[in-house]
Amino acid sequence: MRGRGVSLRQGRTVAEARKIDRYRVEVPVQALFNGIGNDFKPSTPNSAIVTVDIVGTVASARVDSDNLDGFRFSDFFHLLEADGEWQIVAKTFHTHSTTTN
C-alpha cells in the first residue's frame, strides 16, 4: 500500500501513511505533526488523570479526554525515569465511539 496513501479520518488521506493491518497505520512523525498542526481544532476539551502507577523507575498513566475535535479518548502513557527525569517512552490510545455529556 505504500505510495497510495491511507485515509485516516473524515476523508483525510496521508500519502506517506502505510496501513499495517485492520487497526494500525504507520505514519511518518512529520506528517503526523503537520496533520495535527493543520487539521486538529479542539473545542474546549475536558481531561482528567485517571490513574498513575509508579514502581521504581517505571510508571504508567491513564488520561481520559472528552471533546477533542469531537472525539473522546483514553490515552495510556508509559514512562521511564532516567537521570532524574521522567520521559514518555510509549503511548497508546483508545477512541471511544461518542463524547460524554
Protein backbone atom coordinates (compact mmCIF):
# COMPACT_ATOMS: atom_id res chain seq x y z
CA MET A 1 0.00 0.00 0.00
CA ARG A 2 2.98 2.31 0.14
CA GLY A 3 2.60 5.28 -2.18
CA ARG A 4 -1.20 5.17 -2.42
CA GLY A 5 -1.87 6.88 0.88
CA VAL A 6 -4.18 5.93 3.69
CA SER A 7 -7.42 7.61 4.68
CA LEU A 8 -7.09 8.40 8.38
CA ARG A 9 -10.45 10.04 9.21
CA GLN A 10 -13.07 12.33 7.73
CA GLY A 11 -11.75 11.72 4.22
CA ARG A 12 -8.23 12.95 5.04
CA THR A 13 -5.56 10.98 3.19
CA VAL A 14 -1.90 10.98 4.13
CA ALA A 15 0.24 9.99 1.14
CA GLU A 16 3.15 8.93 3.35
CA ALA A 17 1.00 6.61 5.50
CA ARG A 18 1.09 2.84 5.22
CA LYS A 19 -1.66 0.57 6.51
CA ILE A 20 -0.18 -2.21 8.63
CA ASP A 21 -3.38 -4.12 9.40
CA ARG A 22 -7.03 -3.51 10.20
CA TYR A 23 -6.24 -1.48 13.32
CA ARG A 24 -2.82 0.08 12.78
CA VAL A 25 -1.44 2.70 10.42
CA GLU A 26 2.21 3.74 10.17
CA VAL A 27 2.61 7.49 9.63
CA PRO A 28 5.94 9.37 9.50
CA VAL A 29 6.25 11.66 12.52
CA GLN A 30 6.49 14.87 10.45
CA ALA A 31 3.31 14.00 8.50
CA LEU A 32 1.54 13.37 11.81
CA PHE A 33 2.73 16.70 13.24
CA ASN A 34 1.68 18.53 10.06
CA GLY A 35 -1.78 16.97 10.25
CA ILE A 36 -2.17 17.91 13.89
CA GLY A 37 -0.97 21.45 13.24
CA ASN A 38 -3.24 21.99 10.23
CA ASP A 39 -6.37 19.96 10.95
CA PHE A 40 -6.75 19.50 14.68
CA LYS A 41 -9.10 22.14 16.08
CA PRO A 42 -10.21 21.10 19.57
CA SER A 43 -13.13 22.81 21.18
CA THR A 44 -12.91 23.12 24.94
CA PRO A 45 -11.58 19.69 25.92
CA ASN A 46 -12.06 18.18 29.35
CA SER A 47 -9.19 15.98 30.51
CA ALA A 48 -8.60 14.07 33.72
CA ILE A 49 -5.76 11.93 35.03
CA VAL A 50 -7.48 8.65 35.89
CA THR A 51 -4.57 6.60 37.21
CA VAL A 52 -0.84 6.83 37.82
CA ASP A 53 1.12 3.75 38.85
CA ILE A 54 4.80 4.06 39.77
CA VAL A 55 7.14 1.17 40.51
CA GLY A 56 10.76 2.19 40.94
CA THR A 57 11.88 3.90 37.76
CA VAL A 58 8.90 2.92 35.58
CA ALA A 59 5.36 4.26 35.54
CA SER A 60 2.11 4.19 33.62
CA ALA A 61 -0.62 6.80 33.48
CA ARG A 62 -4.12 6.95 32.00
CA VAL A 63 -5.61 10.25 30.86
CA ASP A 64 -9.23 10.48 29.67
CA SER A 65 -10.12 13.40 27.39
CA ASP A 66 -13.51 14.41 26.09
CA ASN A 67 -14.42 16.75 23.23
CA LEU A 68 -11.08 16.83 21.46
CA ASP A 69 -12.15 17.70 17.93
CA GLY A 70 -15.44 15.92 18.67
CA PHE A 71 -13.80 12.73 19.92
CA ARG A 72 -13.32 11.09 23.31
CA PHE A 73 -10.01 9.36 24.07
CA SER A 74 -8.36 7.26 26.74
CA ASP A 75 -4.60 7.73 26.47
CA PHE A 76 -2.16 5.35 28.12
CA PHE A 77 1.37 6.63 28.72
CA HIS A 78 4.38 4.53 29.72
CA LEU A 79 7.19 6.43 31.39
CA LEU A 80 10.77 5.80 32.40
CA GLU A 81 12.86 7.77 34.89
CA ALA A 82 16.38 8.33 33.59
CA ASP A 83 18.94 10.72 35.08
CA GLY A 84 16.31 12.11 37.46
CA GLU A 85 13.78 12.99 34.74
CA TRP A 86 10.59 11.20 33.72
CA GLN A 87 10.19 10.64 29.98
CA ILE A 88 7.30 9.19 28.00
CA VAL A 89 8.60 6.15 26.14
CA ALA A 90 5.31 4.88 24.67
CA LYS A 91 1.72 5.98 24.19
CA THR A 92 -1.32 4.02 23.13
CA PHE A 93 -4.91 5.19 22.97
CA HIS A 94 -8.49 4.17 22.54
CA THR A 95 -11.01 6.34 20.67
CA HIS A 96 -14.45 5.99 22.21
CA SER A 97 -17.47 5.91 19.91
CA THR A 98 -19.12 9.08 21.28
CA THR A 99 -18.41 12.06 23.53
CA THR A 100 -19.86 12.15 27.01
CA ASN A 101 -22.18 14.89 28.21
